[in-house]
């Protein structure tokens, strides 16, 4: 059985974005005090590694350590200068043709964790993160205005085969929500 700090580390790695302490407590069926104590253990365990916990009052996330920032910046610059990968284009298509697409939706449709790809698209300014209209705990991803301008369309409905592709994606999302 995994210790609580390892469970928290797993959740933060999987989510790829900050998670509220209360959400961790709910997911793990623990008290917030136990979560805070386990986060302290995890923070200490990560000292001197390439990972660090970044926190604000309510949220905590697993990120690369500040000491690795020069290395990560070099990699990011190199990555941003490259063409978009097939996985990035696939993710971008899901966001362009979908409505209220969450990272969970993207992961399900693609069949893999898409955290890094979504983050890369955000850094490139191709997509934007917005609060989910019906669930403030979730984010949705939408195409940026810069992307639409680059593609030469005024709005997503001007994309080729928009209605057919959107309906196919919506059917996929319905399957996701039925299985949940």
C-alpha atoms as a PDB file:
ATOM      1  CA  UNK A   1       0.000   0.000   0.000  1.00  0.00           C
ATOM      2  CA  UNK A   2       1.339   3.406  -0.961  1.00  0.00           C
ATOM      3  CA  UNK A   3       1.962   5.983   1.765  1.00  0.00           C
ATOM      4  CA  UNK A   4      -0.227   9.082   1.583  1.00  0.00           C
ATOM      5  CA  UNK A   5       2.563  11.324   0.267  1.00  0.00           C
ATOM      6  CA  UNK A   6       3.168   8.910  -2.637  1.00  0.00           C
ATOM      7  CA  UNK A   7      -0.556   8.852  -3.436  1.00  0.00           C
ATOM      8  CA  UNK A   8      -0.586  12.660  -3.532  1.00  0.00           C
ATOM      9  CA  UNK A   9       2.495  12.642  -5.772  1.00  0.00           C
ATOM     10  CA  UNK A  10       0.754  10.214  -8.151  1.00  0.00           C
ATOM     11  CA  UNK A  11      -2.382  12.346  -8.350  1.00  0.00           C
ATOM     12  CA  UNK A  12      -0.408  15.552  -8.955  1.00  0.00           C
ATOM     13  CA  UNK A  13       1.659  13.845 -11.655  1.00  0.00           C
ATOM     14  CA  UNK A  14      -1.421  12.422 -13.352  1.00  0.00           C
ATOM     15  CA  UNK A  15      -3.401  15.676 -13.216  1.00  0.00           C
ATOM     16  CA  UNK A  16      -0.500  17.742 -14.553  1.00  0.00           C
ATOM     17  CA  UNK A  17      -2.007  20.877 -13.029  1.00  0.00           C
ATOM     18  CA  UNK A  18      -2.567  22.271  -9.532  1.00  0.00           C
ATOM     19  CA  UNK A  19      -5.104  20.483  -7.347  1.00  0.00           C
ATOM     20  CA  UNK A  20      -6.934  21.941  -4.362  1.00  0.00           C
ATOM     21  CA  UNK A  21      -6.017  20.529  -0.945  1.00  0.00           C
ATOM     22  CA  UNK A  22      -9.730  19.930  -0.321  1.00  0.00           C
ATOM     23  CA  UNK A  23     -10.001  17.975  -3.584  1.00  0.00           C
ATOM     24  CA  UNK A  24      -7.029  15.803  -2.570  1.00  0.00           C
ATOM     25  CA  UNK A  25      -8.698  15.164   0.803  1.00  0.00           C
ATOM     26  CA  UNK A  26     -11.926  14.184  -0.937  1.00  0.00           C
ATOM     27  CA  UNK A  27     -10.221  11.946  -3.509  1.00  0.00           C
ATOM     28  CA  UNK A  28      -8.132  10.189  -0.882  1.00  0.00           C
ATOM     29  CA  UNK A  29     -10.840  10.157   1.795  1.00  0.00           C
ATOM     30  CA  UNK A  30      -8.499  11.835   4.282  1.00  0.00           C
ATOM     31  CA  UNK A  31      -8.705  14.955   6.432  1.00  0.00           C
ATOM     32  CA  UNK A  32      -7.181  18.179   5.167  1.00  0.00           C
ATOM     33  CA  UNK A  33      -4.793  18.036   8.145  1.00  0.00           C
ATOM     34  CA  UNK A  34      -3.543  14.607   7.015  1.00  0.00           C
ATOM     35  CA  UNK A  35      -3.147  15.910   3.457  1.00  0.00           C
ATOM     36  CA  UNK A  36      -1.172  18.958   4.650  1.00  0.00           C
ATOM     37  CA  UNK A  37       1.094  16.698   6.748  1.00  0.00           C
ATOM     38  CA  UNK A  38       1.660  14.328   3.798  1.00  0.00           C
ATOM     39  CA  UNK A  39       2.398  17.295   1.511  1.00  0.00           C
ATOM     40  CA  UNK A  40       5.137  18.341   3.969  1.00  0.00           C
ATOM     41  CA  UNK A  41       6.614  14.826   3.761  1.00  0.00           C
ATOM     42  CA  UNK A  42       6.443  14.946  -0.036  1.00  0.00           C
ATOM     43  CA  UNK A  43       8.019  18.421  -0.174  1.00  0.00           C
ATOM     44  CA  UNK A  44      10.930  17.205   1.976  1.00  0.00           C
ATOM     45  CA  UNK A  45      11.326  14.028  -0.070  1.00  0.00           C
ATOM     46  CA  UNK A  46      11.523  16.053  -3.306  1.00  0.00           C
ATOM     47  CA  UNK A  47      14.264  18.355  -1.966  1.00  0.00           C
ATOM     48  CA  UNK A  48      17.350  18.029  -4.167  1.00  0.00           C
ATOM     49  CA  UNK A  49      15.467  16.349  -7.016  1.00  0.00           C
ATOM     50  CA  UNK A  50      14.299  17.729 -10.338  1.00  0.00           C
ATOM     51  CA  UNK A  51      10.752  18.121  -9.047  1.00  0.00           C
ATOM     52  CA  UNK A  52       9.197  20.528  -6.575  1.00  0.00           C
ATOM     53  CA  UNK A  53       5.818  21.290  -5.098  1.00  0.00           C
ATOM     54  CA  UNK A  54       4.511  24.727  -5.975  1.00  0.00           C
ATOM     55  CA  UNK A  55       1.762  25.941  -3.669  1.00  0.00           C
ATOM     56  CA  UNK A  56      -0.543  28.810  -2.985  1.00  0.00           C
ATOM     57  CA  UNK A  57      -3.080  28.991  -0.182  1.00  0.00           C
ATOM     58  CA  UNK A  58      -5.463  26.380  -1.581  1.00  0.00           C
ATOM     59  CA  UNK A  59      -3.771  24.569  -4.461  1.00  0.00           C
ATOM     60  CA  UNK A  60      -0.672  22.467  -4.889  1.00  0.00           C
ATOM     61  CA  UNK A  61       1.060  21.284  -8.048  1.00  0.00           C
ATOM     62  CA  UNK A  62       4.007  19.114  -9.013  1.00  0.00           C
ATOM     63  CA  UNK A  63       6.422  20.972 -11.275  1.00  0.00           C
ATOM     64  CA  UNK A  64      10.061  20.953 -12.252  1.00  0.00           C
ATOM     65  CA  UNK A  65      12.259  22.442  -9.551  1.00  0.00           C
ATOM     66  CA  UNK A  66      13.288  26.097  -9.816  1.00  0.00           C
ATOM     67  CA  UNK A  67      16.921  24.929  -9.945  1.00  0.00           C
ATOM     68  CA  UNK A  68      16.172  23.237 -13.273  1.00  0.00           C
ATOM     69  CA  UNK A  69      14.698  26.394 -14.816  1.00  0.00           C
ATOM     70  CA  UNK A  70      17.654  27.103 -17.140  1.00  0.00           C
ATOM     71  CA  UNK A  71      17.562  23.557 -18.517  1.00  0.00           C
ATOM     72  CA  UNK A  72      13.777  23.629 -18.922  1.00  0.00           C
ATOM     73  CA  UNK A  73      13.873  27.060 -20.610  1.00  0.00           C
ATOM     74  CA  UNK A  74      16.406  25.743 -23.155  1.00  0.00           C
ATOM     75  CA  UNK A  75      14.223  22.712 -23.847  1.00  0.00           C
ATOM     76  CA  UNK A  76      11.110  24.883 -24.131  1.00  0.00           C
ATOM     77  CA  UNK A  77      12.779  27.217 -26.637  1.00  0.00           C
ATOM     78  CA  UNK A  78      13.938  24.231 -28.663  1.00  0.00           C
ATOM     79  CA  UNK A  79      10.481  22.650 -28.536  1.00  0.00           C
ATOM     80  CA  UNK A  80       8.714  25.875 -29.524  1.00  0.00           C
ATOM     81  CA  UNK A  81      10.935  26.303 -32.557  1.00  0.00           C
ATOM     82  CA  UNK A  82       9.919  22.884 -33.915  1.00  0.00           C
ATOM     83  CA  UNK A  83       6.910  22.005 -35.987  1.00  0.00           C
ATOM     84  CA  UNK A  84       3.864  20.765 -34.124  1.00  0.00           C
ATOM     85  CA  UNK A  85       3.936  17.017 -33.564  1.00  0.00           C
ATOM     86  CA  UNK A  86       1.185  14.693 -34.748  1.00  0.00           C
ATOM     87  CA  UNK A  87      -0.017  14.449 -31.126  1.00  0.00           C
ATOM     88  CA  UNK A  88      -0.104  18.257 -30.822  1.00  0.00           C
ATOM     89  CA  UNK A  89      -2.092  18.577 -34.045  1.00  0.00           C
ATOM     90  CA  UNK A  90      -4.478  15.868 -32.885  1.00  0.00           C
ATOM     91  CA  UNK A  91      -5.008  17.674 -29.562  1.00  0.00           C
ATOM     92  CA  UNK A  92      -5.412  21.008 -31.314  1.00  0.00           C
ATOM     93  CA  UNK A  93      -8.056  19.479 -33.599  1.00  0.00           C
ATOM     94  CA  UNK A  94     -10.006  18.177 -30.608  1.00  0.00           C
ATOM     95  CA  UNK A  95      -9.956  21.666 -29.077  1.00  0.00           C
ATOM     96  CA  UNK A  96     -10.838  23.405 -32.355  1.00  0.00           C
ATOM     97  CA  UNK A  97     -13.798  21.174 -33.142  1.00  0.00           C
ATOM     98  CA  UNK A  98     -14.972  20.420 -29.608  1.00  0.00           C
ATOM     99  CA  UNK A  99     -17.071  22.478 -27.229  1.00  0.00           C
ATOM    100  CA  UNK A 100     -16.262  22.795 -23.532  1.00  0.00           C
ATOM    101  CA  UNK A 101     -13.374  20.346 -23.967  1.00  0.00           C
ATOM    102  CA  UNK A 102     -11.600  19.457 -20.721  1.00  0.00           C
ATOM    103  CA  UNK A 103      -8.200  17.830 -20.413  1.00  0.00           C
ATOM    104  CA  UNK A 104      -9.985  14.671 -19.304  1.00  0.00           C
ATOM    105  CA  UNK A 105     -11.970  14.699 -22.554  1.00  0.00           C
ATOM    106  CA  UNK A 106      -8.761  15.120 -24.551  1.00  0.00           C
ATOM    107  CA  UNK A 107      -7.053  12.294 -22.636  1.00  0.00           C
ATOM    108  CA  UNK A 108     -10.021   9.975 -23.212  1.00  0.00           C
ATOM    109  CA  UNK A 109     -10.354  10.726 -26.912  1.00  0.00           C
ATOM    110  CA  UNK A 110      -6.599  10.366 -27.499  1.00  0.00           C
ATOM    111  CA  UNK A 111      -6.204   7.433 -25.103  1.00  0.00           C
ATOM    112  CA  UNK A 112      -3.138   8.931 -23.385  1.00  0.00           C
ATOM    113  CA  UNK A 113      -2.249  11.640 -20.869  1.00  0.00           C
ATOM    114  CA  UNK A 114      -2.106  14.931 -22.773  1.00  0.00           C
ATOM    115  CA  UNK A 115      -0.830  17.245 -20.023  1.00  0.00           C
ATOM    116  CA  UNK A 116       2.477  18.045 -21.692  1.00  0.00           C
ATOM    117  CA  UNK A 117       0.888  18.643 -25.083  1.00  0.00           C
ATOM    118  CA  UNK A 118      -1.825  20.910 -23.661  1.00  0.00           C
ATOM    119  CA  UNK A 119       0.824  22.845 -21.739  1.00  0.00           C
ATOM    120  CA  UNK A 120       2.907  23.185 -24.924  1.00  0.00           C
ATOM    121  CA  UNK A 121      -0.090  24.503 -26.871  1.00  0.00           C
ATOM    122  CA  UNK A 122      -0.814  26.982 -24.055  1.00  0.00           C
ATOM    123  CA  UNK A 123       2.802  28.192 -24.039  1.00  0.00           C
ATOM    124  CA  UNK A 124       2.721  28.642 -27.797  1.00  0.00           C
ATOM    125  CA  UNK A 125      -0.411  30.763 -27.434  1.00  0.00           C
ATOM    126  CA  UNK A 126      -2.460  28.460 -29.649  1.00  0.00           C
ATOM    127  CA  UNK A 127      -5.083  27.689 -27.006  1.00  0.00           C
ATOM    128  CA  UNK A 128      -6.498  29.346 -23.907  1.00  0.00           C
ATOM    129  CA  UNK A 129      -7.689  27.912 -20.604  1.00  0.00           C
ATOM    130  CA  UNK A 130     -11.085  29.058 -19.302  1.00  0.00           C
ATOM    131  CA  UNK A 131     -13.199  28.092 -16.309  1.00  0.00           C
ATOM    132  CA  UNK A 132     -15.774  25.418 -17.135  1.00  0.00           C
ATOM    133  CA  UNK A 133     -19.203  27.101 -17.335  1.00  0.00           C
ATOM    134  CA  UNK A 134     -20.966  24.481 -15.205  1.00  0.00           C
ATOM    135  CA  UNK A 135     -18.130  23.283 -12.919  1.00  0.00           C
ATOM    136  CA  UNK A 136     -15.695  25.828 -11.492  1.00  0.00           C
ATOM    137  CA  UNK A 137     -13.323  23.010 -10.484  1.00  0.00           C
ATOM    138  CA  UNK A 138     -12.627  22.174 -14.142  1.00  0.00           C
ATOM    139  CA  UNK A 139     -11.030  24.070 -16.992  1.00  0.00           C
ATOM    140  CA  UNK A 140     -11.978  23.996 -20.632  1.00  0.00           C
ATOM    141  CA  UNK A 141      -9.654  24.698 -23.518  1.00  0.00           C
ATOM    142  CA  UNK A 142     -10.520  26.882 -26.472  1.00  0.00           C
ATOM    143  CA  UNK A 143      -8.569  28.011 -29.540  1.00  0.00           C
ATOM    144  CA  UNK A 144      -6.878  31.379 -29.134  1.00  0.00           C
ATOM    145  CA  UNK A 145      -7.829  34.297 -31.328  1.00  0.00           C
ATOM    146  CA  UNK A 146      -4.249  34.330 -32.625  1.00  0.00           C
ATOM    147  CA  UNK A 147      -4.686  30.732 -33.838  1.00  0.00           C
ATOM    148  CA  UNK A 148      -7.956  31.528 -35.585  1.00  0.00           C
ATOM    149  CA  UNK A 149      -6.366  34.574 -37.229  1.00  0.00           C
ATOM    150  CA  UNK A 150      -3.370  32.475 -38.331  1.00  0.00           C
ATOM    151  CA  UNK A 151      -5.735  29.891 -39.818  1.00  0.00           C
ATOM    152  CA  UNK A 152      -7.639  32.619 -41.643  1.00  0.00           C
ATOM    153  CA  UNK A 153     -11.012  31.960 -40.036  1.00  0.00           C
ATOM    154  CA  UNK A 154     -13.212  34.365 -38.103  1.00  0.00           C
ATOM    155  CA  UNK A 155     -14.650  31.680 -35.841  1.00  0.00           C
ATOM    156  CA  UNK A 156     -14.397  27.930 -35.402  1.00  0.00           C
ATOM    157  CA  UNK A 157     -17.609  27.343 -37.328  1.00  0.00           C
ATOM    158  CA  UNK A 158     -15.711  28.477 -40.459  1.00  0.00           C
ATOM    159  CA  UNK A 159     -13.399  25.457 -40.192  1.00  0.00           C
ATOM    160  CA  UNK A 160     -13.693  22.741 -42.866  1.00  0.00           C
ATOM    161  CA  UNK A 161     -16.337  20.094 -42.122  1.00  0.00           C
ATOM    162  CA  UNK A 162     -17.011  21.784 -38.788  1.00  0.00           C
ATOM    163  CA  UNK A 163     -20.507  20.418 -38.092  1.00  0.00           C
ATOM    164  CA  UNK A 164     -19.711  16.811 -39.032  1.00  0.00           C
ATOM    165  CA  UNK A 165     -16.478  16.729 -37.029  1.00  0.00           C
ATOM    166  CA  UNK A 166     -18.002  18.523 -34.024  1.00  0.00           C
ATOM    167  CA  UNK A 167     -20.896  16.072 -33.869  1.00  0.00           C
ATOM    168  CA  UNK A 168     -18.458  13.161 -33.949  1.00  0.00           C
ATOM    169  CA  UNK A 169     -16.480  14.671 -31.058  1.00  0.00           C
ATOM    170  CA  UNK A 170     -19.649  15.415 -29.089  1.00  0.00           C
ATOM    171  CA  UNK A 171     -20.678  11.780 -29.498  1.00  0.00           C
ATOM    172  CA  UNK A 172     -17.275  10.784 -28.069  1.00  0.00           C
ATOM    173  CA  UNK A 173     -17.789  13.121 -25.107  1.00  0.00           C
ATOM    174  CA  UNK A 174     -21.239  11.637 -24.454  1.00  0.00           C
ATOM    175  CA  UNK A 175     -19.652   8.193 -24.294  1.00  0.00           C
ATOM    176  CA  UNK A 176     -17.086   9.585 -21.823  1.00  0.00           C
ATOM    177  CA  UNK A 177     -19.768  10.962 -19.533  1.00  0.00           C
ATOM    178  CA  UNK A 178     -21.894   7.803 -19.738  1.00  0.00           C
ATOM    179  CA  UNK A 179     -18.904   5.697 -18.653  1.00  0.00           C
ATOM    180  CA  UNK A 180     -18.012   8.047 -15.767  1.00  0.00           C
END
